Amino acid sequence: MYIAITRQQLGDNFRGSVRDFVNYLEKENEGREQGDQELYFNQEENQIQTERVIAEIDANTAKLKKREPKFYSLVVSPSQRELKHIGNDAEKLREYTREVMKAYAASFYRDREVTIKDILYFAKLERERTYSDKDREVKQNQAMASKILELQHQARAIKEGREHGDMAKLQERIKTLEREAPHQLNGKRIVPGMAKEGHQSHIHIIVSRMDVTNSHSLSPGSKFRTSETTLHGETVKQGFDRDKFYKASEKTFDKQFGYNRNFVETYHARNLLDKHPKQFFSALLGLPTNEQQAARQLLFKAGAKVPTIPINKAQLAYKAMMQLKKGIGKALESGSIGI
């Protein structure tokens, strides 16, 4: 499970409307009949129109300074293994999203309890994902892409009469390079913008910075779980516990859908890999044989170059360990395992 929290991005200030972001999220609805379009939902309602989303988020900005974000976006992206487990069911994803937002509310550190009734949000299901420059397949195709681009420039120069050459041979060379690219999809070289295969369903959530009464700020941007500040002479609790939120979201999915999560799919494993790689590999070694084999298969499918998992602590030499960490980290970021 991969969940990201991002603040509103508008350059040097945050005075703009949520409209641009909402319009961006309409990309999958383009060309569809109105009855086939995916609309927004919240904790209680489905089929919410975009204009209502824009109106309510834009109106809920009292007391915010011009350089403060007016809203945050969350992306909830189950892995393909998780999506397969729930049959890529849209209604189950909506049900899960509503539980995620309960966990979101409960992760605020305040003097009073924050509940889902305090949160103003709208969510939208998307079915597709496209490759970007950050994806492993695109990166590994880049050398071939550069050669193809160079030849295409030569072909254009010949066509425009700026250079002389055999256009037929040039075109045949381009076709050969296209076929030789290491990563293909339906017989075509994988490039940025190409739709990914398999289940790619995910949820975009727009959540207001202010609570539903438009009187209290609820920012998930704070890195500190239990920070305190003095306001009008009184000590006030503030902050958002991201670790608590991510762990609760993961446990909710497992409990809600009876999902048997492997060690390498857990948020705990990702934290260990980032901060304490030796503990990560020690924990991997301590798994039962069947779970360790399943972990290796998951990492392999995600693109990690792990020819063997070390079988004892003596093999966990620092250099080898860091190489494995780098490979596994990239696989977890760009592959089918989301943590």
C-alpha atoms as a PDB file:
ATOM      1  CA  MET A   1       0.000   0.000   0.000  1.00  0.00           C
ATOM      2  CA  TYR A   2       1.370   3.365  -1.013  1.00  0.00           C
ATOM      3  CA  ILE A   3      -0.133   6.532   0.462  1.00  0.00           C
ATOM      4  CA  ALA A   4       1.245   9.996  -0.267  1.00  0.00           C
ATOM      5  CA  ILE A   5       0.280  13.352   1.255  1.00  0.00           C
ATOM      6  CA  THR A   6       1.079  16.479  -0.749  1.00  0.00           C
ATOM      7  CA  ARG A   7       0.273  20.100  -0.046  1.00  0.00           C
ATOM      8  CA  GLN A   8      -1.242  22.433  -2.608  1.00  0.00           C
ATOM      9  CA  GLN A   9       1.471  23.503  -5.038  1.00  0.00           C
ATOM     10  CA  LEU A  10       1.148  26.951  -6.596  1.00  0.00           C
ATOM     11  CA  GLY A  11       4.662  28.368  -6.746  1.00  0.00           C
ATOM     12  CA  ASP A  12       5.376  31.289  -4.423  1.00  0.00           C
ATOM     13  CA  ASN A  13       1.884  31.612  -2.980  1.00  0.00           C
ATOM     14  CA  PHE A  14      -1.239  29.566  -2.347  1.00  0.00           C
ATOM     15  CA  ARG A  15      -3.978  32.025  -3.259  1.00  0.00           C
ATOM     16  CA  GLY A  16      -5.292  29.998  -6.208  1.00  0.00           C
ATOM     17  CA  SER A  17      -8.405  27.904  -6.500  1.00  0.00           C
ATOM     18  CA  VAL A  18      -8.588  24.119  -6.306  1.00  0.00           C
ATOM     19  CA  ARG A  19     -10.132  24.288  -9.783  1.00  0.00           C
ATOM     20  CA  ASP A  20      -6.899  23.533 -11.666  1.00  0.00           C
ATOM     21  CA  PHE A  21      -6.294  20.383  -9.635  1.00  0.00           C
ATOM     22  CA  VAL A  22      -9.898  19.246 -10.024  1.00  0.00           C
ATOM     23  CA  ASN A  23      -9.675  19.811 -13.777  1.00  0.00           C
ATOM     24  CA  TYR A  24      -6.488  17.728 -13.859  1.00  0.00           C
ATOM     25  CA  LEU A  25      -8.310  14.867 -12.153  1.00  0.00           C
ATOM     26  CA  GLU A  26     -10.946  14.966 -14.886  1.00  0.00           C
ATOM     27  CA  LYS A  27      -8.476  13.506 -17.439  1.00  0.00           C
ATOM     28  CA  GLU A  28     -10.009   9.999 -17.345  1.00  0.00           C
ATOM     29  CA  ASN A  29     -13.501  11.401 -17.887  1.00  0.00           C
ATOM     30  CA  GLU A  30     -12.564  13.084 -21.158  1.00  0.00           C
ATOM     31  CA  GLY A  31     -14.501  11.589 -24.080  1.00  0.00           C
ATOM     32  CA  ARG A  32     -16.813   9.554 -21.837  1.00  0.00           C
ATOM     33  CA  GLU A  33     -20.584   9.795 -21.790  1.00  0.00           C
ATOM     34  CA  GLN A  34     -21.909  11.542 -18.702  1.00  0.00           C
ATOM     35  CA  GLY A  35     -23.312   8.313 -17.262  1.00  0.00           C
ATOM     36  CA  ASP A  36     -19.930   6.598 -17.570  1.00  0.00           C
ATOM     37  CA  GLN A  37     -17.909   9.327 -15.845  1.00  0.00           C
ATOM     38  CA  GLU A  38     -16.318   8.769 -12.436  1.00  0.00           C
ATOM     39  CA  LEU A  39     -17.589  11.380  -9.969  1.00  0.00           C
ATOM     40  CA  TYR A  40     -16.417  12.377  -6.498  1.00  0.00           C
ATOM     41  CA  PHE A  41     -17.492  10.886  -3.190  1.00  0.00           C
ATOM     42  CA  ASN A  42     -17.033  11.744   0.481  1.00  0.00           C
ATOM     43  CA  GLN A  43     -17.775  10.038   3.783  1.00  0.00           C
ATOM     44  CA  GLU A  44     -21.537   9.980   3.268  1.00  0.00           C
ATOM     45  CA  GLU A  45     -22.265  10.613  -0.407  1.00  0.00           C
ATOM     46  CA  ASN A  46     -21.485   9.355  -3.907  1.00  0.00           C
ATOM     47  CA  GLN A  47     -21.901  11.015  -7.311  1.00  0.00           C
ATOM     48  CA  ILE A  48     -20.702  14.477  -6.267  1.00  0.00           C
ATOM     49  CA  GLN A  49     -20.222  16.928  -9.145  1.00  0.00           C
ATOM     50  CA  THR A  50     -16.931  18.762  -9.699  1.00  0.00           C
ATOM     51  CA  GLU A  51     -18.423  22.244  -9.276  1.00  0.00           C
ATOM     52  CA  ARG A  52     -19.535  21.386  -5.755  1.00  0.00           C
ATOM     53  CA  VAL A  53     -16.034  20.146  -4.911  1.00  0.00           C
ATOM     54  CA  ILE A  54     -14.498  23.394  -6.156  1.00  0.00           C
ATOM     55  CA  ALA A  55     -17.068  25.598  -4.411  1.00  0.00           C
ATOM     56  CA  GLU A  56     -16.780  23.929  -0.985  1.00  0.00           C
ATOM     57  CA  ILE A  57     -12.970  23.618  -0.907  1.00  0.00           C
ATOM     58  CA  ASP A  58     -12.455  27.194  -2.148  1.00  0.00           C
ATOM     59  CA  ALA A  59     -14.928  28.596   0.386  1.00  0.00           C
ATOM     60  CA  ASN A  60     -13.313  26.782   3.332  1.00  0.00           C
ATOM     61  CA  THR A  61     -10.186  28.918   3.753  1.00  0.00           C
ATOM     62  CA  ALA A  62     -10.927  31.276   6.653  1.00  0.00           C
ATOM     63  CA  LYS A  63      -7.944  32.604   8.669  1.00  0.00           C
ATOM     64  CA  LEU A  64      -5.371  31.131   6.271  1.00  0.00           C
ATOM     65  CA  LYS A  65      -2.498  33.351   5.209  1.00  0.00           C
ATOM     66  CA  LYS A  66      -1.761  33.799   1.516  1.00  0.00           C
ATOM     67  CA  ARG A  67       1.373  31.619   1.695  1.00  0.00           C
ATOM     68  CA  GLU A  68      -0.403  28.756   3.465  1.00  0.00           C
ATOM     69  CA  PRO A  69      -1.830  25.837   1.439  1.00  0.00           C
ATOM     70  CA  LYS A  70      -5.610  25.823   1.288  1.00  0.00           C
ATOM     71  CA  PHE A  71      -5.875  22.077   0.706  1.00  0.00           C
ATOM     72  CA  TYR A  72      -3.851  18.865   0.666  1.00  0.00           C
ATOM     73  CA  SER A  73      -4.017  15.976  -1.764  1.00  0.00           C
ATOM     74  CA  LEU A  74      -3.734  12.344  -0.765  1.00  0.00           C
ATOM     75  CA  VAL A  75      -3.125   9.448  -3.129  1.00  0.00           C
ATOM     76  CA  VAL A  76      -4.111   5.973  -1.949  1.00  0.00           C
ATOM     77  CA  SER A  77      -2.495   3.388  -4.244  1.00  0.00           C
ATOM     78  CA  PRO A  78      -2.924  -0.291  -3.441  1.00  0.00           C
ATOM     79  CA  SER A  79      -0.372  -2.581  -5.068  1.00  0.00           C
ATOM     80  CA  GLN A  80      -1.459  -4.879  -7.883  1.00  0.00           C
ATOM     81  CA  ARG A  81      -1.358  -7.780  -5.422  1.00  0.00           C
ATOM     82  CA  GLU A  82      -3.725  -5.926  -3.089  1.00  0.00           C
ATOM     83  CA  LEU A  83      -6.013  -4.944  -5.966  1.00  0.00           C
ATOM     84  CA  LYS A  84      -6.130  -8.535  -7.176  1.00  0.00           C
ATOM     85  CA  HIS A  85      -7.070  -9.644  -3.659  1.00  0.00           C
ATOM     86  CA  ILE A  86     -10.176  -7.409  -3.672  1.00  0.00           C
ATOM     87  CA  GLY A  87     -10.985  -8.122  -7.327  1.00  0.00           C
ATOM     88  CA  ASN A  88     -10.156  -4.526  -8.295  1.00  0.00           C
ATOM     89  CA  ASP A  89     -13.609  -3.732  -6.876  1.00  0.00           C
ATOM     90  CA  ALA A  90     -14.414  -0.007  -7.051  1.00  0.00           C
ATOM     91  CA  GLU A  91     -16.939  -0.102  -4.215  1.00  0.00           C
ATOM     92  CA  LYS A  92     -14.468  -1.850  -1.908  1.00  0.00           C
ATOM     93  CA  LEU A  93     -11.924   0.866  -2.671  1.00  0.00           C
ATOM     94  CA  ARG A  94     -14.460   3.536  -1.775  1.00  0.00           C
ATOM     95  CA  GLU A  95     -15.292   1.731   1.476  1.00  0.00           C
ATOM     96  CA  TYR A  96     -11.590   1.467   2.264  1.00  0.00           C
ATOM     97  CA  THR A  97     -11.019   5.158   1.491  1.00  0.00           C
ATOM     98  CA  ARG A  98     -13.670   6.108   4.032  1.00  0.00           C
ATOM     99  CA  GLU A  99     -11.840   4.051   6.668  1.00  0.00           C
ATOM    100  CA  VAL A 100      -8.531   5.652   5.651  1.00  0.00           C
ATOM    101  CA  MET A 101     -10.019   9.099   6.241  1.00  0.00           C
ATOM    102  CA  LYS A 102     -11.151   8.031   9.722  1.00  0.00           C
ATOM    103  CA  ALA A 103      -7.522   7.107  10.413  1.00  0.00           C
ATOM    104  CA  TYR A 104      -6.435  10.446   8.930  1.00  0.00           C
ATOM    105  CA  ALA A 105      -8.629  12.359  11.363  1.00  0.00           C
ATOM    106  CA  ALA A 106      -7.487  10.260  14.326  1.00  0.00           C
ATOM    107  CA  SER A 107      -3.818  10.987  13.522  1.00  0.00           C
ATOM    108  CA  PHE A 108      -4.026  14.682  14.401  1.00  0.00           C
ATOM    109  CA  TYR A 109      -2.491  15.628  17.744  1.00  0.00           C
ATOM    110  CA  ARG A 110      -4.796  18.223  19.288  1.00  0.00           C
ATOM    111  CA  ASP A 111      -6.193  19.249  22.662  1.00  0.00           C
ATOM    112  CA  ARG A 112      -9.523  17.815  21.576  1.00  0.00           C
ATOM    113  CA  GLU A 113     -10.211  14.622  19.648  1.00  0.00           C
ATOM    114  CA  VAL A 114     -10.403  15.067  15.885  1.00  0.00           C
ATOM    115  CA  THR A 115     -12.895  12.773  14.134  1.00  0.00           C
ATOM    116  CA  ILE A 116     -14.021  12.220  10.560  1.00  0.00           C
ATOM    117  CA  LYS A 117     -16.904  14.660  11.211  1.00  0.00           C
ATOM    118  CA  ASP A 118     -14.291  17.434  11.394  1.00  0.00           C
ATOM    119  CA  ILE A 119     -12.802  16.685   7.965  1.00  0.00           C
ATOM    120  CA  LEU A 120     -13.953  18.262   4.700  1.00  0.00           C
ATOM    121  CA  TYR A 121     -12.801  16.060   1.827  1.00  0.00           C
ATOM    122  CA  PHE A 122     -13.734  14.749  -1.591  1.00  0.00           C
ATOM    123  CA  ALA A 123     -12.282  11.628  -3.230  1.00  0.00           C
ATOM    124  CA  LYS A 124     -12.216  10.243  -6.742  1.00  0.00           C
ATOM    125  CA  LEU A 125     -11.373   6.806  -8.154  1.00  0.00           C
ATOM    126  CA  GLU A 126      -9.042   6.520 -11.137  1.00  0.00           C
ATOM    127  CA  ARG A 127      -8.540   3.289 -13.072  1.00  0.00           C
ATOM    128  CA  GLU A 128      -5.396   4.040 -15.061  1.00  0.00           C
ATOM    129  CA  ARG A 129      -1.788   4.937 -14.439  1.00  0.00           C
ATOM    130  CA  THR A 130       0.786   6.039 -16.985  1.00  0.00           C
ATOM    131  CA  TYR A 131       4.543   5.611 -17.084  1.00  0.00           C
ATOM    132  CA  SER A 132       6.659   8.586 -16.050  1.00  0.00           C
ATOM    133  CA  ASP A 133      10.358   9.449 -16.263  1.00  0.00           C
ATOM    134  CA  LYS A 134      10.770   8.021 -12.746  1.00  0.00           C
ATOM    135  CA  ASP A 135       9.671   4.501 -13.668  1.00  0.00           C
ATOM    136  CA  ARG A 136      12.333   1.796 -13.911  1.00  0.00           C
ATOM    137  CA  GLU A 137      11.196   0.700 -17.372  1.00  0.00           C
ATOM    138  CA  VAL A 138      11.455   4.220 -18.796  1.00  0.00           C
ATOM    139  CA  LYS A 139      14.869   4.774 -17.220  1.00  0.00           C
ATOM    140  CA  GLN A 140      16.229   1.511 -18.610  1.00  0.00           C
ATOM    141  CA  ASN A 141      14.837   2.371 -22.048  1.00  0.00           C
ATOM    142  CA  GLN A 142      16.474   5.792 -22.004  1.00  0.00           C
ATOM    143  CA  ALA A 143      19.710   4.821 -23.771  1.00  0.00           C
ATOM    144  CA  MET A 144      17.707   3.399 -26.674  1.00  0.00           C
ATOM    145  CA  ALA A 145      15.380   6.407 -26.631  1.00  0.00           C
ATOM    146  CA  SER A 146      18.331   8.785 -27.021  1.00  0.00           C
ATOM    147  CA  LYS A 147      19.646   6.862 -30.047  1.00  0.00           C
ATOM    148  CA  ILE A 148      16.195   6.836 -31.639  1.00  0.00           C
ATOM    149  CA  LEU A 149      15.784  10.579 -31.080  1.00  0.00           C
ATOM    150  CA  GLU A 150      19.152  11.276 -32.702  1.00  0.00           C
ATOM    151  CA  LEU A 151      18.190   9.242 -35.774  1.00  0.00           C
ATOM    152  CA  GLN A 152      14.800  10.975 -35.931  1.00  0.00           C
ATOM    153  CA  HIS A 153      16.570  14.326 -36.006  1.00  0.00           C
ATOM    154  CA  GLN A 154      18.734  13.075 -38.884  1.00  0.00           C
ATOM    155  CA  ALA A 155      15.642  11.862 -40.748  1.00  0.00           C
ATOM    156  CA  ARG A 156      13.972  15.246 -40.334  1.00  0.00           C
ATOM    157  CA  ALA A 157      17.089  17.004 -41.628  1.00  0.00           C
ATOM    158  CA  ILE A 158      17.144  14.755 -44.726  1.00  0.00           C
ATOM    159  CA  LYS A 159      13.440  15.337 -45.337  1.00  0.00           C
ATOM    160  CA  GLU A 160      13.917  19.107 -45.122  1.00  0.00           C
ATOM    161  CA  GLY A 161      16.944  19.004 -47.407  1.00  0.00           C
ATOM    162  CA  ARG A 162      19.443  20.152 -44.805  1.00  0.00           C
ATOM    163  CA  GLU A 163      21.375  16.858 -44.965  1.00  0.00           C
ATOM    164  CA  HIS A 164      21.877  13.998 -47.417  1.00  0.00           C
ATOM    165  CA  GLY A 165      21.368  10.336 -46.572  1.00  0.00           C
ATOM    166  CA  ASP A 166      19.457   7.113 -47.169  1.00  0.00           C
ATOM    167  CA  MET A 167      16.053   7.716 -45.608  1.00  0.00           C
ATOM    168  CA  ALA A 168      14.932   4.090 -46.011  1.00  0.00           C
ATOM    169  CA  LYS A 169      17.968   2.728 -44.136  1.00  0.00           C
ATOM    170  CA  LEU A 170      17.510   5.351 -41.430  1.00  0.00           C
ATOM    171  CA  GLN A 171      13.867   4.413 -40.910  1.00  0.00           C
ATOM    172  CA  GLU A 172      14.751   0.716 -40.796  1.00  0.00           C
ATOM    173  CA  ARG A 173      17.416   1.423 -38.165  1.00  0.00           C
ATOM    174  CA  ILE A 174      14.865   3.294 -36.050  1.00  0.00           C
ATOM    175  CA  LYS A 175      12.438   0.349 -36.263  1.00  0.00           C
ATOM    176  CA  THR A 176      15.221  -2.045 -35.216  1.00  0.00           C
ATOM    177  CA  LEU A 177      16.094   0.069 -32.181  1.00  0.00           C
ATOM    178  CA  GLU A 178      12.409   0.266 -31.222  1.00  0.00           C
ATOM    179  CA  ARG A 179      12.242  -3.550 -31.233  1.00  0.00           C
ATOM    180  CA  GLU A 180      15.484  -3.857 -29.244  1.00  0.00           C
ATOM    181  CA  ALA A 181      14.362  -1.631 -26.361  1.00  0.00           C
ATOM    182  CA  PRO A 182      14.577  -3.748 -23.154  1.00  0.00           C
ATOM    183  CA  HIS A 183      11.060  -2.917 -21.975  1.00  0.00           C
ATOM    184  CA  GLN A 184       8.098  -3.337 -24.318  1.00  0.00           C
ATOM    185  CA  LEU A 185       4.330  -3.192 -23.903  1.00  0.00           C
ATOM    186  CA  ASN A 186       2.136  -4.761 -26.570  1.00  0.00           C
ATOM    187  CA  GLY A 187       5.062  -4.708 -28.988  1.00  0.00           C
ATOM    188  CA  LYS A 188       5.922  -1.048 -28.388  1.00  0.00           C
ATOM    189  CA  ARG A 189       8.783   0.578 -26.501  1.00  0.00           C
ATOM    190  CA  ILE A 190       7.632   1.834 -23.097  1.00  0.00           C
ATOM    191  CA  VAL A 191       7.728   5.634 -23.006  1.00  0.00           C
ATOM    192  CA  PRO A 192       6.409   8.300 -20.596  1.00  0.00           C
ATOM    193  CA  GLY A 193       2.654   8.724 -20.891  1.00  0.00           C
ATOM    194  CA  MET A 194       1.973   5.126 -21.927  1.00  0.00           C
ATOM    195  CA  ALA A 195      -0.774   3.416 -19.898  1.00  0.00           C
ATOM    196  CA  LYS A 196       0.442   0.684 -17.546  1.00  0.00           C
ATOM    197  CA  GLU A 197      -0.824  -2.899 -17.704  1.00  0.00           C
ATOM    198  CA  GLY A 198      -2.786  -4.724 -15.063  1.00  0.00           C
ATOM    199  CA  HIS A 199      -4.921  -3.344 -12.244  1.00  0.00           C
ATOM    200  CA  GLN A 200      -3.971   0.297 -11.665  1.00  0.00           C
ATOM    201  CA  SER A 201      -6.906   1.585  -9.620  1.00  0.00           C
ATOM    202  CA  HIS A 202      -6.096   4.272  -7.078  1.00  0.00           C
ATOM    203  CA  ILE A 203      -7.836   7.054  -5.176  1.00  0.00           C
ATOM    204  CA  HIS A 204      -7.181  10.808  -5.274  1.00  0.00           C
ATOM    205  CA  ILE A 205      -8.392  12.723  -2.220  1.00  0.00           C
ATOM    206  CA  ILE A 206      -8.728  16.491  -1.866  1.00  0.00           C
ATOM    207  CA  VAL A 207      -8.899  17.498   1.800  1.00  0.00           C
ATOM    208  CA  SER A 208      -9.399  21.033   3.072  1.00  0.00           C
ATOM    209  CA  ARG A 209      -6.740  22.556   5.310  1.00  0.00           C
ATOM    210  CA  MET A 210      -9.530  23.936   7.505  1.00  0.00           C
ATOM    211  CA  ASP A 211     -11.976  21.778   9.427  1.00  0.00           C
ATOM    212  CA  VAL A 212     -15.588  21.469   8.290  1.00  0.00           C
ATOM    213  CA  THR A 213     -16.630  24.469  10.421  1.00  0.00           C
ATOM    214  CA  ASN A 214     -14.003  26.633   8.674  1.00  0.00           C
ATOM    215  CA  SER A 215     -12.625  27.690  12.056  1.00  0.00           C
ATOM    216  CA  HIS A 216      -9.744  25.314  12.929  1.00  0.00           C
ATOM    217  CA  SER A 217      -6.644  24.516  10.868  1.00  0.00           C
ATOM    218  CA  LEU A 218      -5.868  20.818  10.381  1.00  0.00           C
ATOM    219  CA  SER A 219      -2.552  20.543   8.593  1.00  0.00           C
ATOM    220  CA  PRO A 220      -0.993  17.099   8.028  1.00  0.00           C
ATOM    221  CA  GLY A 221       2.279  18.819   7.135  1.00  0.00           C
ATOM    222  CA  SER A 222       3.800  18.771  10.604  1.00  0.00           C
ATOM    223  CA  LYS A 223       6.530  16.169  11.089  1.00  0.00           C
ATOM    224  CA  PHE A 224       6.183  16.198  14.857  1.00  0.00           C
ATOM    225  CA  ARG A 225       3.682  13.950  16.586  1.00  0.00           C
ATOM    226  CA  THR A 226       3.552  15.774  19.911  1.00  0.00           C
ATOM    227  CA  SER A 227       4.749  19.315  19.280  1.00  0.00           C
ATOM    228  CA  GLU A 228       3.346  22.153  21.361  1.00  0.00           C
ATOM    229  CA  THR A 229       3.213  25.906  20.876  1.00  0.00           C
ATOM    230  CA  THR A 230       2.108  28.932  22.892  1.00  0.00           C
ATOM    231  CA  LEU A 231      -0.919  30.774  21.551  1.00  0.00           C
ATOM    232  CA  HIS A 232      -2.376  33.765  23.438  1.00  0.00           C
ATOM    233  CA  GLY A 233      -0.485  32.667  26.532  1.00  0.00           C
ATOM    234  CA  GLU A 234      -1.773  29.097  26.455  1.00  0.00           C
ATOM    235  CA  THR A 235       0.045  25.899  25.512  1.00  0.00           C
ATOM    236  CA  VAL A 236      -1.584  24.287  22.491  1.00  0.00           C
ATOM    237  CA  LYS A 237      -0.980  20.796  21.115  1.00  0.00           C
ATOM    238  CA  GLN A 238      -0.373  20.486  17.393  1.00  0.00           C
ATOM    239  CA  GLY A 239       0.952  18.064  14.790  1.00  0.00           C
ATOM    240  CA  PHE A 240       0.063  15.075  12.665  1.00  0.00           C
ATOM    241  CA  ASP A 241       1.412  11.571  13.267  1.00  0.00           C
ATOM    242  CA  ARG A 242       2.164  10.228   9.780  1.00  0.00           C
ATOM    243  CA  ASP A 243       3.566   6.947  11.089  1.00  0.00           C
ATOM    244  CA  LYS A 244       0.349   6.324  13.003  1.00  0.00           C
ATOM    245  CA  PHE A 245      -1.697   7.172   9.906  1.00  0.00           C
ATOM    246  CA  TYR A 246       0.244   4.893   7.532  1.00  0.00           C
ATOM    247  CA  LYS A 247       0.261   1.972   9.960  1.00  0.00           C
ATOM    248  CA  ALA A 248      -3.458   2.323  10.689  1.00  0.00           C
ATOM    249  CA  SER A 249      -4.296   2.488   6.958  1.00  0.00           C
ATOM    250  CA  GLU A 250      -2.314  -0.680   6.304  1.00  0.00           C
ATOM    251  CA  LYS A 251      -3.868  -2.590   9.197  1.00  0.00           C
ATOM    252  CA  THR A 252      -7.328  -1.446   8.127  1.00  0.00           C
ATOM    253  CA  PHE A 253      -6.898  -2.919   4.658  1.00  0.00           C
ATOM    254  CA  ASP A 254      -5.670  -6.233   6.058  1.00  0.00           C
ATOM    255  CA  LYS A 255      -8.511  -6.504   8.554  1.00  0.00           C
ATOM    256  CA  GLN A 256     -11.229  -5.207   6.228  1.00  0.00           C
ATOM    257  CA  PHE A 257     -10.385  -7.596   3.391  1.00  0.00           C
ATOM    258  CA  GLY A 258      -8.601 -10.486   5.133  1.00  0.00           C
ATOM    259  CA  TYR A 259      -5.308  -9.713   3.407  1.00  0.00           C
ATOM    260  CA  ASN A 260      -2.216 -11.713   4.410  1.00  0.00           C
ATOM    261  CA  ARG A 261       0.562  -9.103   4.125  1.00  0.00           C
ATOM    262  CA  ASN A 262       4.118 -10.269   3.537  1.00  0.00           C
ATOM    263  CA  PHE A 263       6.937  -8.651   5.526  1.00  0.00           C
ATOM    264  CA  VAL A 264       8.348  -6.741   2.512  1.00  0.00           C
ATOM    265  CA  GLU A 265       4.926  -5.160   1.886  1.00  0.00           C
ATOM    266  CA  THR A 266       4.738  -3.573   5.316  1.00  0.00           C
ATOM    267  CA  TYR A 267       5.327   0.048   6.273  1.00  0.00           C
ATOM    268  CA  HIS A 268       7.555  -1.251   9.083  1.00  0.00           C
ATOM    269  CA  ALA A 269       9.797  -3.012   6.558  1.00  0.00           C
ATOM    270  CA  ARG A 270      10.179   0.127   4.475  1.00  0.00           C
ATOM    271  CA  ASN A 271      11.139   2.128   7.550  1.00  0.00           C
ATOM    272  CA  LEU A 272      13.741  -0.463   8.488  1.00  0.00           C
ATOM    273  CA  LEU A 273      15.145  -0.482   4.950  1.00  0.00           C
ATOM    274  CA  ASP A 274      15.448   3.317   4.952  1.00  0.00           C
ATOM    275  CA  LYS A 275      16.792   3.833   8.462  1.00  0.00           C
ATOM    276  CA  HIS A 276      18.204   0.505   9.690  1.00  0.00           C
ATOM    277  CA  PRO A 277      19.040  -1.707   6.671  1.00  0.00           C
ATOM    278  CA  LYS A 278      20.906  -4.253   8.790  1.00  0.00           C
ATOM    279  CA  GLN A 279      17.764  -4.812  10.871  1.00  0.00           C
ATOM    280  CA  PHE A 280      15.737  -5.125   7.654  1.00  0.00           C
ATOM    281  CA  PHE A 281      17.894  -7.955   6.337  1.00  0.00           C
ATOM    282  CA  SER A 282      18.106  -9.603   9.747  1.00  0.00           C
ATOM    283  CA  ALA A 283      14.309  -9.603   9.911  1.00  0.00           C
ATOM    284  CA  LEU A 284      14.188 -10.995   6.369  1.00  0.00           C
ATOM    285  CA  LEU A 285      16.517 -13.827   7.403  1.00  0.00           C
ATOM    286  CA  GLY A 286      14.294 -14.580  10.388  1.00  0.00           C
ATOM    287  CA  LEU A 287      11.172 -15.203   8.304  1.00  0.00           C
ATOM    288  CA  PRO A 288       9.860 -18.757   7.920  1.00  0.00           C
ATOM    289  CA  THR A 289      11.125 -20.365   4.696  1.00  0.00           C
ATOM    290  CA  ASN A 290       7.805 -20.049   2.849  1.00  0.00           C
ATOM    291  CA  GLU A 291       7.433 -16.356   3.763  1.00  0.00           C
ATOM    292  CA  GLN A 292      11.040 -15.661   2.804  1.00  0.00           C
ATOM    293  CA  GLN A 293      10.467 -17.274  -0.589  1.00  0.00           C
ATOM    294  CA  ALA A 294       7.295 -15.228  -1.053  1.00  0.00           C
ATOM    295  CA  ALA A 295       9.225 -12.076  -0.133  1.00  0.00           C
ATOM    296  CA  ARG A 296      11.871 -12.849  -2.722  1.00  0.00           C
ATOM    297  CA  GLN A 297       9.218 -13.418  -5.401  1.00  0.00           C
ATOM    298  CA  LEU A 298       7.555 -10.110  -4.574  1.00  0.00           C
ATOM    299  CA  LEU A 299      10.865  -8.255  -4.775  1.00  0.00           C
ATOM    300  CA  PHE A 300      11.745  -9.964  -8.053  1.00  0.00           C
ATOM    301  CA  LYS A 301       8.404  -9.030  -9.606  1.00  0.00           C
ATOM    302  CA  ALA A 302       8.935  -5.447  -8.467  1.00  0.00           C
ATOM    303  CA  GLY A 303      12.247  -5.345 -10.323  1.00  0.00           C
ATOM    304  CA  ALA A 304      14.784  -5.826  -7.529  1.00  0.00           C
ATOM    305  CA  LYS A 305      18.032  -7.389  -8.717  1.00  0.00           C
ATOM    306  CA  VAL A 306      18.429  -9.794  -5.831  1.00  0.00           C
ATOM    307  CA  PRO A 307      20.001 -13.002  -7.187  1.00  0.00           C
ATOM    308  CA  THR A 308      20.023 -14.508  -3.699  1.00  0.00           C
ATOM    309  CA  ILE A 309      18.871 -13.452  -0.281  1.00  0.00           C
ATOM    310  CA  PRO A 310      21.797 -13.843   2.156  1.00  0.00           C
ATOM    311  CA  ILE A 311      21.431 -17.067   4.078  1.00  0.00           C
ATOM    312  CA  ASN A 312      23.392 -15.996   7.151  1.00  0.00           C
ATOM    313  CA  LYS A 313      24.595 -12.883   8.939  1.00  0.00           C
ATOM    314  CA  ALA A 314      28.154 -13.359   7.702  1.00  0.00           C
ATOM    315  CA  GLN A 315      26.941 -12.542   4.194  1.00  0.00           C
ATOM    316  CA  LEU A 316      25.544  -9.243   5.361  1.00  0.00           C
ATOM    317  CA  ALA A 317      28.769  -7.376   4.655  1.00  0.00           C
ATOM    318  CA  TYR A 318      28.213  -3.635   4.649  1.00  0.00           C
ATOM    319  CA  LYS A 319      28.940  -3.076   0.952  1.00  0.00           C
ATOM    320  CA  ALA A 320      26.757  -5.960  -0.188  1.00  0.00           C
ATOM    321  CA  MET A 321      24.008  -4.890   2.179  1.00  0.00           C
ATOM    322  CA  MET A 322      23.973  -1.337   0.840  1.00  0.00           C
ATOM    323  CA  GLN A 323      23.865  -2.579  -2.755  1.00  0.00           C
ATOM    324  CA  LEU A 324      20.888  -4.749  -1.908  1.00  0.00           C
ATOM    325  CA  LYS A 325      19.251  -1.841  -0.112  1.00  0.00           C
ATOM    326  CA  LYS A 326      19.636   0.373  -3.181  1.00  0.00           C
ATOM    327  CA  GLY A 327      18.175  -2.249  -5.512  1.00  0.00           C
ATOM    328  CA  ILE A 328      15.271  -3.144  -3.242  1.00  0.00           C
ATOM    329  CA  GLY A 329      14.527   0.505  -2.482  1.00  0.00           C
ATOM    330  CA  LYS A 330      14.201   1.355  -6.185  1.00  0.00           C
ATOM    331  CA  ALA A 331      12.019  -1.699  -6.752  1.00  0.00           C
ATOM    332  CA  LEU A 332       9.678  -0.767  -3.930  1.00  0.00           C
ATOM    333  CA  GLU A 333       9.357   2.766  -5.278  1.00  0.00           C
ATOM    334  CA  SER A 334       8.696   1.911  -8.926  1.00  0.00           C
ATOM    335  CA  GLY A 335       7.442  -1.668  -8.866  1.00  0.00           C
ATOM    336  CA  SER A 336       4.290  -3.442  -7.851  1.00  0.00           C
ATOM    337  CA  ILE A 337       4.989  -3.368  -4.104  1.00  0.00           C
ATOM    338  CA  GLY A 338       3.822  -0.169  -2.449  1.00  0.00           C
ATOM    339  CA  ILE A 339       4.745   0.614   1.136  1.00  0.00           C
END
